Amino acid sequence: MAASLTSRGVTVRRLPPEEWATIADWEPFASGGLPAVDQWRIIVAEDAGVIVGFCCVFAAAHWEPWSIAPSHRRNPAVARGLIRAGRDLLQELGIEAAFAVVSDAAPEQQAIVERLGFMAAPGKLFTVAVEDLEDL
């Protein structure tokens, strides 16, 4: 575990799993429960020992791209086979959730993933190359 950082009376550190209960009443944990210890890391900011903020880094699985040839889009064996094999692989890897990013310019592919059980997420997806992260 990396050392804590202290600046202007605020300490920033990785929160060890045995202390995760200290943020159990912060959202999204209050309504969704604490995350999987093997897939998440939690960083907290503390002022005088009181947690005043946190951020998380977690393993997330992209399950994409999805595409089925037009000639086979009405063949349920194709979609069933893909979803069962993909689900089995995710379970084998211990991954509890997956997501797919499908362009608004590809409504036919959006329809495919929706038929497979994916739901559109609220909000807007943002990405960054780690080396391009800016300090405030």
Protein backbone atom coordinates (compact mmCIF):
# COMPACT_ATOMS: atom_id res chain seq x y z
CA MET A 1 0.00 0.00 0.00
CA ALA A 2 1.29 3.46 -0.89
CA ALA A 3 2.14 5.90 1.87
CA SER A 4 -0.37 8.51 2.98
CA LEU A 5 -0.12 12.03 1.60
CA THR A 6 -0.65 14.98 3.94
CA SER A 7 -1.29 18.54 2.81
CA ARG A 8 -2.85 21.49 4.66
CA GLY A 9 -4.05 19.29 7.49
CA VAL A 10 -5.76 16.82 5.16
CA THR A 11 -4.46 13.27 4.91
CA VAL A 12 -5.13 11.23 1.78
CA ARG A 13 -4.62 7.48 1.98
CA ARG A 14 -5.81 4.15 0.68
CA LEU A 15 -8.48 2.82 2.99
CA PRO A 16 -7.74 -0.79 3.96
CA PRO A 17 -10.71 -3.17 3.56
CA GLU A 18 -10.99 -3.65 7.31
CA GLU A 19 -11.91 0.07 7.53
CA TRP A 20 -14.44 0.15 4.68
CA ALA A 21 -17.33 0.09 7.14
CA THR A 22 -16.40 3.70 8.00
CA ILE A 23 -17.87 4.83 4.66
CA ALA A 24 -20.81 2.40 4.59
CA ASP A 25 -23.30 5.25 5.08
CA TRP A 26 -21.88 7.30 2.17
CA GLU A 27 -23.55 6.83 -1.22
CA PRO A 28 -23.42 4.71 -3.27
CA PHE A 29 -22.55 2.24 -0.51
CA ALA A 30 -25.48 3.17 1.77
CA SER A 31 -27.99 2.01 -0.84
CA GLY A 32 -25.89 -0.56 -2.70
CA GLY A 33 -23.64 -2.12 -0.08
CA LEU A 34 -19.88 -2.18 0.14
CA PRO A 35 -18.02 -3.29 -3.00
CA ALA A 36 -15.97 -6.41 -3.68
CA VAL A 37 -12.64 -6.20 -1.85
CA ASP A 38 -10.74 -8.03 -4.60
CA GLN A 39 -11.90 -5.64 -7.32
CA TRP A 40 -11.99 -2.22 -5.64
CA ARG A 41 -9.57 0.16 -3.97
CA ILE A 42 -10.85 3.12 -1.97
CA ILE A 43 -8.89 6.31 -1.36
CA VAL A 44 -10.06 8.66 1.40
CA ALA A 45 -9.32 12.23 2.40
CA GLU A 46 -9.40 12.84 6.13
CA ASP A 47 -9.37 16.04 8.14
CA ALA A 48 -8.48 15.52 11.79
CA GLY A 49 -9.19 11.81 11.36
CA VAL A 50 -12.68 12.35 9.90
CA ILE A 51 -13.33 11.15 6.35
CA VAL A 52 -14.33 14.16 4.26
CA GLY A 53 -14.12 12.63 0.80
CA PHE A 54 -13.29 9.53 -1.16
CA CYS A 55 -12.72 8.20 -4.64
CA CYS A 56 -12.59 4.64 -5.90
CA VAL A 57 -10.66 2.70 -8.48
CA PHE A 58 -12.20 -0.60 -9.46
CA ALA A 59 -11.95 -3.34 -12.00
CA ALA A 60 -14.63 -3.03 -14.63
CA ALA A 61 -15.14 -5.33 -17.57
CA HIS A 62 -15.94 -4.02 -21.00
CA TRP A 63 -18.08 -6.61 -22.71
CA GLU A 64 -17.90 -5.27 -26.20
CA PRO A 65 -18.09 -4.90 -29.10
CA TRP A 66 -21.26 -6.84 -29.79
CA SER A 67 -22.24 -7.58 -33.35
CA ILE A 68 -24.24 -10.25 -35.11
CA ALA A 69 -24.33 -10.63 -38.88
CA PRO A 70 -27.62 -9.44 -40.36
CA SER A 71 -28.25 -12.96 -41.67
CA HIS A 72 -28.19 -14.33 -38.10
CA ARG A 73 -29.79 -11.59 -36.01
CA ARG A 74 -33.04 -13.53 -35.78
CA ASN A 75 -31.25 -16.77 -34.86
CA PRO A 76 -31.56 -17.03 -31.06
CA ALA A 77 -28.77 -19.63 -30.90
CA VAL A 78 -26.21 -16.96 -31.83
CA ALA A 79 -27.20 -14.47 -29.15
CA ARG A 80 -27.76 -17.22 -26.55
CA GLY A 81 -24.39 -18.77 -27.32
CA LEU A 82 -22.56 -15.46 -27.10
CA ILE A 83 -24.23 -14.40 -23.88
CA ARG A 84 -23.80 -17.77 -22.18
CA ALA A 85 -20.13 -18.04 -23.13
CA GLY A 86 -19.50 -14.42 -22.13
CA ARG A 87 -21.35 -14.85 -18.82
CA ASP A 88 -19.40 -18.04 -18.08
CA LEU A 89 -16.11 -16.25 -18.79
CA LEU A 90 -17.03 -13.30 -16.54
CA GLN A 91 -18.00 -15.69 -13.74
CA GLU A 92 -14.79 -17.69 -14.21
CA LEU A 93 -12.84 -14.44 -13.82
CA GLY A 94 -14.83 -13.45 -10.72
CA ILE A 95 -16.28 -10.37 -12.41
CA GLU A 96 -19.67 -9.35 -11.01
CA ALA A 97 -20.70 -6.67 -13.52
CA ALA A 98 -19.85 -5.66 -17.05
CA PHE A 99 -20.65 -2.81 -19.36
CA ALA A 100 -20.64 -2.04 -23.04
CA VAL A 101 -20.21 1.32 -24.71
CA VAL A 102 -22.14 1.43 -27.96
CA SER A 103 -22.15 4.52 -30.15
CA ASP A 104 -25.35 6.45 -30.67
CA ALA A 105 -24.48 6.13 -34.36
CA ALA A 106 -25.06 2.34 -34.09
CA PRO A 107 -28.69 1.93 -32.97
CA GLU A 108 -28.79 -1.62 -34.32
CA GLN A 109 -25.93 -2.62 -32.01
CA GLN A 110 -27.59 -0.80 -29.10
CA ALA A 111 -30.71 -2.89 -29.77
CA ILE A 112 -28.63 -6.07 -29.67
CA VAL A 113 -27.09 -5.35 -26.27
CA GLU A 114 -30.45 -4.23 -24.89
CA ARG A 115 -32.02 -7.51 -26.01
CA LEU A 116 -29.22 -9.30 -24.16
CA GLY A 117 -30.14 -7.58 -20.90
CA PHE A 118 -27.91 -4.51 -20.83
CA MET A 119 -29.55 -1.29 -19.68
CA ALA A 120 -28.61 2.22 -20.74
CA ALA A 121 -26.80 3.94 -17.87
CA PRO A 122 -27.74 7.42 -16.75
CA GLY A 123 -25.18 10.17 -17.12
CA LYS A 124 -22.41 10.61 -19.60
CA LEU A 125 -19.30 8.50 -20.07
CA PHE A 126 -15.99 10.32 -19.68
CA THR A 127 -12.57 8.84 -20.42
CA VAL A 128 -8.98 9.96 -19.82
CA ALA A 129 -5.52 8.59 -20.41
CA VAL A 130 -3.95 8.31 -16.94
CA GLU A 131 -0.86 10.20 -18.09
CA ASP A 132 -3.09 13.11 -19.11
CA LEU A 133 -4.77 13.57 -15.71
CA GLU A 134 -4.44 17.15 -14.57
CA ASP A 135 -3.70 18.38 -11.06
CA LEU A 136 -6.12 20.96 -9.78
